[in-house]
């Protein structure tokens, strides 16, 4: 049996106390990877970037399937730039990609 997670992924830039890092993000991605870590076979329904960005490769490799509309990784995926410094979180930039155009 495969667990289907409906959610999203993003490619994020995190400004931390001493470094800046590129990171995979998105509630769907976090939920899918947590279920996989707990031993579930997991598929994800979310905008599916083609090609898959390097930061999302480990996610794609762990999924049974990545379902959803094919999107350009630059224009179709959400991108967030977040500062997490001095005990505060600040969203510097938020681009929602294709998520705003999806319908049931």
N, C-alpha and C. Protein backbone atom coordinates (compact mmCIF):
# COMPACT_ATOMS: atom_id res chain seq x y z
N UNK A 1 0.85 -1.18 0.00
CA UNK A 1 0.00 0.00 0.00
C UNK A 1 0.90 1.25 0.00
N UNK A 2 0.45 2.27 -0.72
CA UNK A 2 1.19 3.53 -0.80
C UNK A 2 0.34 4.64 -0.21
N UNK A 3 0.96 5.45 0.60
CA UNK A 3 0.32 6.61 1.19
C UNK A 3 0.45 7.78 0.22
N UNK A 4 -0.65 8.43 -0.13
CA UNK A 4 -0.62 9.59 -1.03
C UNK A 4 -0.69 10.86 -0.21
N UNK A 5 0.34 11.69 -0.34
CA UNK A 5 0.37 13.00 0.31
C UNK A 5 0.03 14.06 -0.73
N UNK A 6 -0.91 14.92 -0.41
CA UNK A 6 -1.26 16.04 -1.29
C UNK A 6 -0.71 17.29 -0.64
N UNK A 7 0.20 17.96 -1.33
CA UNK A 7 0.82 19.14 -0.75
C UNK A 7 1.77 19.76 -1.74
N UNK A 8 2.74 20.46 -1.26
CA UNK A 8 3.64 21.17 -2.16
C UNK A 8 5.09 21.05 -1.74
N UNK A 9 5.94 21.45 -2.66
CA UNK A 9 7.37 21.54 -2.41
C UNK A 9 7.80 22.95 -2.78
N UNK A 10 8.94 23.33 -2.27
CA UNK A 10 9.49 24.63 -2.64
C UNK A 10 11.01 24.55 -2.60
N UNK A 11 11.62 25.51 -3.23
CA UNK A 11 13.07 25.67 -3.12
C UNK A 11 13.28 26.99 -2.39
N UNK A 12 13.96 26.91 -1.26
CA UNK A 12 14.07 28.06 -0.37
C UNK A 12 15.52 28.50 -0.18
N UNK A 13 15.69 29.78 0.06
CA UNK A 13 16.98 30.33 0.46
C UNK A 13 16.83 30.74 1.91
N UNK A 14 17.65 30.15 2.78
CA UNK A 14 17.59 30.44 4.21
C UNK A 14 18.81 31.25 4.62
N UNK A 15 18.57 32.40 5.22
CA UNK A 15 19.65 33.23 5.77
C UNK A 15 19.69 32.93 7.27
N UNK A 16 20.70 32.15 7.68
CA UNK A 16 20.85 31.75 9.07
C UNK A 16 21.85 32.66 9.76
N UNK A 17 22.08 32.43 11.03
CA UNK A 17 22.99 33.29 11.79
C UNK A 17 24.35 33.47 11.12
N UNK A 18 24.96 32.37 10.67
CA UNK A 18 26.32 32.46 10.14
C UNK A 18 26.46 32.02 8.69
N UNK A 19 25.37 31.66 8.04
CA UNK A 19 25.47 31.18 6.66
C UNK A 19 24.16 31.37 5.92
N UNK A 20 24.24 31.24 4.60
CA UNK A 20 23.06 31.23 3.74
C UNK A 20 23.04 29.87 3.06
N UNK A 21 21.86 29.23 3.04
CA UNK A 21 21.76 27.87 2.50
C UNK A 21 20.55 27.74 1.59
N UNK A 22 20.70 26.94 0.54
CA UNK A 22 19.59 26.55 -0.32
C UNK A 22 18.97 25.32 0.32
N UNK A 23 17.63 25.27 0.39
CA UNK A 23 16.96 24.19 1.09
C UNK A 23 15.69 23.77 0.37
N UNK A 24 15.36 22.49 0.45
CA UNK A 24 14.05 22.01 0.02
C UNK A 24 13.05 22.39 1.10
N UNK A 25 11.84 22.69 0.70
CA UNK A 25 10.81 23.05 1.67
C UNK A 25 9.44 22.63 1.19
N UNK A 26 8.45 23.03 1.92
CA UNK A 26 7.06 22.76 1.56
C UNK A 26 6.41 21.76 2.50
N UNK A 27 5.20 22.06 2.92
CA UNK A 27 4.49 21.19 3.87
C UNK A 27 4.28 19.79 3.31
N UNK A 28 3.97 19.68 2.02
CA UNK A 28 3.79 18.36 1.42
C UNK A 28 5.07 17.56 1.44
N UNK A 29 6.18 18.22 1.12
CA UNK A 29 7.47 17.55 1.13
C UNK A 29 7.83 17.08 2.53
N UNK A 30 7.66 17.95 3.53
CA UNK A 30 7.98 17.58 4.91
C UNK A 30 7.12 16.39 5.37
N UNK A 31 5.83 16.42 5.05
CA UNK A 31 4.93 15.34 5.45
C UNK A 31 5.31 14.04 4.77
N UNK A 32 5.59 14.10 3.46
CA UNK A 32 5.96 12.90 2.71
C UNK A 32 7.26 12.29 3.24
N UNK A 33 8.25 13.13 3.52
CA UNK A 33 9.53 12.61 4.00
C UNK A 33 9.41 12.07 5.42
N UNK A 34 8.56 12.66 6.24
CA UNK A 34 8.34 12.13 7.59
C UNK A 34 7.67 10.76 7.52
N UNK A 35 6.68 10.62 6.64
CA UNK A 35 6.01 9.32 6.47
C UNK A 35 6.98 8.28 5.95
N UNK A 36 7.83 8.66 5.01
CA UNK A 36 8.84 7.74 4.48
C UNK A 36 9.79 7.31 5.59
N UNK A 37 10.22 8.24 6.41
CA UNK A 37 11.13 7.95 7.52
C UNK A 37 10.48 6.98 8.51
N UNK A 38 9.17 7.04 8.63
CA UNK A 38 8.44 6.14 9.54
C UNK A 38 8.16 4.78 8.91
N UNK A 39 8.60 4.59 7.66
CA UNK A 39 8.47 3.29 7.02
C UNK A 39 7.39 3.17 5.97
N UNK A 40 6.68 4.23 5.66
CA UNK A 40 5.62 4.17 4.66
C UNK A 40 6.18 4.26 3.25
N UNK A 41 5.48 3.64 2.33
CA UNK A 41 5.73 3.83 0.91
C UNK A 41 4.91 5.06 0.53
N UNK A 42 5.53 6.10 -0.04
CA UNK A 42 4.88 7.40 -0.17
C UNK A 42 4.92 7.90 -1.61
N UNK A 43 3.76 8.40 -2.06
CA UNK A 43 3.67 9.17 -3.31
C UNK A 43 3.25 10.58 -2.94
N UNK A 44 3.66 11.54 -3.75
CA UNK A 44 3.35 12.95 -3.51
C UNK A 44 2.59 13.51 -4.69
N UNK A 45 1.47 14.17 -4.42
CA UNK A 45 0.75 14.91 -5.46
C UNK A 45 1.02 16.38 -5.22
N UNK A 46 1.80 16.98 -6.13
CA UNK A 46 2.21 18.38 -6.01
C UNK A 46 2.73 18.81 -7.38
N UNK A 47 2.81 20.12 -7.65
CA UNK A 47 3.46 20.52 -8.89
C UNK A 47 4.81 19.81 -9.02
N UNK A 48 5.03 19.21 -10.18
CA UNK A 48 6.17 18.34 -10.42
C UNK A 48 7.16 19.04 -11.35
N UNK A 49 8.29 19.49 -10.83
CA UNK A 49 9.23 20.25 -11.66
C UNK A 49 9.99 19.36 -12.65
N UNK A 50 10.14 19.88 -13.84
CA UNK A 50 10.94 19.19 -14.86
C UNK A 50 11.85 20.20 -15.53
N UNK A 51 13.16 20.08 -15.31
CA UNK A 51 13.86 19.05 -14.55
C UNK A 51 13.74 19.32 -13.04
N UNK A 52 13.98 18.26 -12.27
CA UNK A 52 13.92 18.38 -10.82
C UNK A 52 15.18 19.09 -10.33
N UNK A 53 15.02 20.20 -9.60
CA UNK A 53 16.19 20.90 -9.07
C UNK A 53 17.04 20.00 -8.17
N UNK A 54 18.32 20.24 -8.16
CA UNK A 54 19.25 19.42 -7.39
C UNK A 54 18.84 19.31 -5.92
N UNK A 55 18.36 20.40 -5.34
CA UNK A 55 17.99 20.40 -3.92
C UNK A 55 16.78 19.48 -3.65
N UNK A 56 15.97 19.19 -4.68
CA UNK A 56 14.80 18.31 -4.52
C UNK A 56 15.08 16.88 -4.98
N UNK A 57 16.27 16.60 -5.51
CA UNK A 57 16.60 15.25 -5.97
C UNK A 57 16.46 14.21 -4.86
N UNK A 58 16.98 14.45 -3.65
CA UNK A 58 16.83 13.44 -2.60
C UNK A 58 15.36 13.14 -2.27
N UNK A 59 14.50 14.15 -2.38
CA UNK A 59 13.07 13.94 -2.15
C UNK A 59 12.51 13.03 -3.24
N UNK A 60 12.76 13.37 -4.49
CA UNK A 60 12.25 12.59 -5.61
C UNK A 60 12.70 11.14 -5.55
N UNK A 61 13.94 10.91 -5.13
CA UNK A 61 14.48 9.55 -5.06
C UNK A 61 13.80 8.70 -4.00
N UNK A 62 13.23 9.32 -2.98
CA UNK A 62 12.61 8.58 -1.89
C UNK A 62 11.11 8.33 -2.12
N UNK A 63 10.53 8.99 -3.10
CA UNK A 63 9.11 8.83 -3.38
C UNK A 63 8.85 7.62 -4.27
N UNK A 64 7.72 6.94 -4.04
CA UNK A 64 7.28 5.90 -4.96
C UNK A 64 6.91 6.54 -6.29
N UNK A 65 6.25 7.69 -6.21
CA UNK A 65 5.84 8.45 -7.39
C UNK A 65 5.68 9.91 -7.01
N UNK A 66 5.97 10.79 -7.97
CA UNK A 66 5.68 12.21 -7.81
C UNK A 66 4.65 12.53 -8.88
N UNK A 67 3.41 12.70 -8.44
CA UNK A 67 2.29 12.97 -9.34
C UNK A 67 2.01 14.46 -9.35
N UNK A 68 1.29 14.91 -10.35
CA UNK A 68 0.90 16.31 -10.41
C UNK A 68 1.32 16.95 -11.71
N UNK A 69 0.84 18.15 -11.94
CA UNK A 69 1.15 18.82 -13.20
C UNK A 69 2.64 19.13 -13.32
N UNK A 70 3.19 18.90 -14.51
CA UNK A 70 4.59 19.21 -14.78
C UNK A 70 4.72 20.73 -14.87
N UNK A 71 5.71 21.27 -14.15
CA UNK A 71 5.94 22.71 -14.14
C UNK A 71 7.42 23.00 -14.36
N UNK A 72 7.70 24.18 -14.85
CA UNK A 72 9.07 24.65 -14.95
C UNK A 72 9.57 24.93 -13.53
N UNK A 73 10.77 24.46 -13.17
CA UNK A 73 11.22 24.66 -11.79
C UNK A 73 11.41 26.13 -11.40
N UNK A 74 11.70 26.99 -12.36
CA UNK A 74 11.90 28.41 -12.05
C UNK A 74 10.59 29.15 -11.87
N UNK A 75 9.62 28.86 -12.76
CA UNK A 75 8.36 29.60 -12.74
C UNK A 75 7.23 28.87 -12.03
N UNK A 76 7.30 27.54 -11.97
CA UNK A 76 6.18 26.76 -11.45
C UNK A 76 6.28 26.36 -10.00
N UNK A 77 7.49 26.34 -9.46
CA UNK A 77 7.65 25.97 -8.05
C UNK A 77 7.65 27.21 -7.16
N UNK A 78 7.09 27.08 -5.97
CA UNK A 78 7.24 28.17 -5.02
C UNK A 78 8.70 28.35 -4.61
N UNK A 79 9.08 29.58 -4.35
CA UNK A 79 10.42 29.92 -3.87
C UNK A 79 10.25 30.89 -2.72
N UNK A 80 10.91 30.60 -1.62
CA UNK A 80 10.85 31.50 -0.48
C UNK A 80 12.26 31.87 -0.06
N UNK A 81 12.43 33.12 0.33
CA UNK A 81 13.69 33.57 0.89
C UNK A 81 13.37 34.02 2.32
N UNK A 82 14.02 33.35 3.27
CA UNK A 82 13.65 33.51 4.68
C UNK A 82 14.89 33.82 5.51
N UNK A 83 14.80 34.84 6.35
CA UNK A 83 15.87 35.16 7.29
C UNK A 83 15.49 34.61 8.66
N UNK A 84 16.40 33.84 9.25
CA UNK A 84 16.19 33.31 10.59
C UNK A 84 17.40 33.72 11.43
N UNK A 85 17.39 34.96 11.80
CA UNK A 85 18.53 35.53 12.54
C UNK A 85 18.03 36.26 13.78
N UNK A 86 18.85 36.23 14.81
CA UNK A 86 18.52 36.95 16.04
C UNK A 86 17.22 36.49 16.68
N UNK A 87 16.87 35.22 16.51
CA UNK A 87 15.65 34.70 17.11
C UNK A 87 14.38 35.13 16.40
N UNK A 88 14.52 35.75 15.23
CA UNK A 88 13.35 36.21 14.47
C UNK A 88 13.33 35.56 13.08
N UNK A 89 12.13 35.28 12.60
CA UNK A 89 11.95 34.77 11.25
C UNK A 89 11.28 35.85 10.42
N UNK A 90 11.86 36.16 9.27
CA UNK A 90 11.32 37.18 8.38
C UNK A 90 11.31 36.64 6.96
N UNK A 91 10.15 36.71 6.32
CA UNK A 91 10.05 36.33 4.91
C UNK A 91 10.49 37.52 4.07
N UNK A 92 11.57 37.34 3.36
CA UNK A 92 12.12 38.40 2.52
C UNK A 92 11.44 38.40 1.16
N UNK A 93 11.19 37.20 0.63
CA UNK A 93 10.55 37.07 -0.68
C UNK A 93 9.69 35.81 -0.66
N UNK A 94 8.52 35.89 -1.28
CA UNK A 94 7.63 34.73 -1.40
C UNK A 94 7.05 34.71 -2.81
N UNK A 95 7.41 33.69 -3.56
CA UNK A 95 6.87 33.49 -4.91
C UNK A 95 6.14 32.15 -4.89
N UNK A 96 4.86 32.14 -5.27
CA UNK A 96 4.03 30.95 -5.11
C UNK A 96 3.95 30.08 -6.36
N UNK A 97 4.56 30.48 -7.45
CA UNK A 97 4.62 29.65 -8.64
C UNK A 97 3.24 29.24 -9.14
N UNK A 98 3.13 28.00 -9.59
CA UNK A 98 1.90 27.51 -10.20
C UNK A 98 0.79 27.23 -9.18
N UNK A 99 1.11 27.22 -7.91
CA UNK A 99 0.10 26.89 -6.90
C UNK A 99 -1.13 27.79 -7.00
N UNK A 100 -0.95 29.03 -7.34
CA UNK A 100 -2.09 29.95 -7.40
C UNK A 100 -2.99 29.68 -8.60
N UNK A 101 -2.54 28.90 -9.56
CA UNK A 101 -3.36 28.61 -10.75
C UNK A 101 -3.98 27.23 -10.72
N UNK A 102 -3.66 26.40 -9.72
CA UNK A 102 -4.18 25.04 -9.67
C UNK A 102 -5.64 25.03 -9.23
N UNK A 103 -6.38 24.12 -9.81
CA UNK A 103 -7.78 23.92 -9.43
C UNK A 103 -8.00 22.44 -9.17
N UNK A 104 -9.05 22.10 -8.40
CA UNK A 104 -9.30 20.67 -8.11
C UNK A 104 -9.55 19.91 -9.39
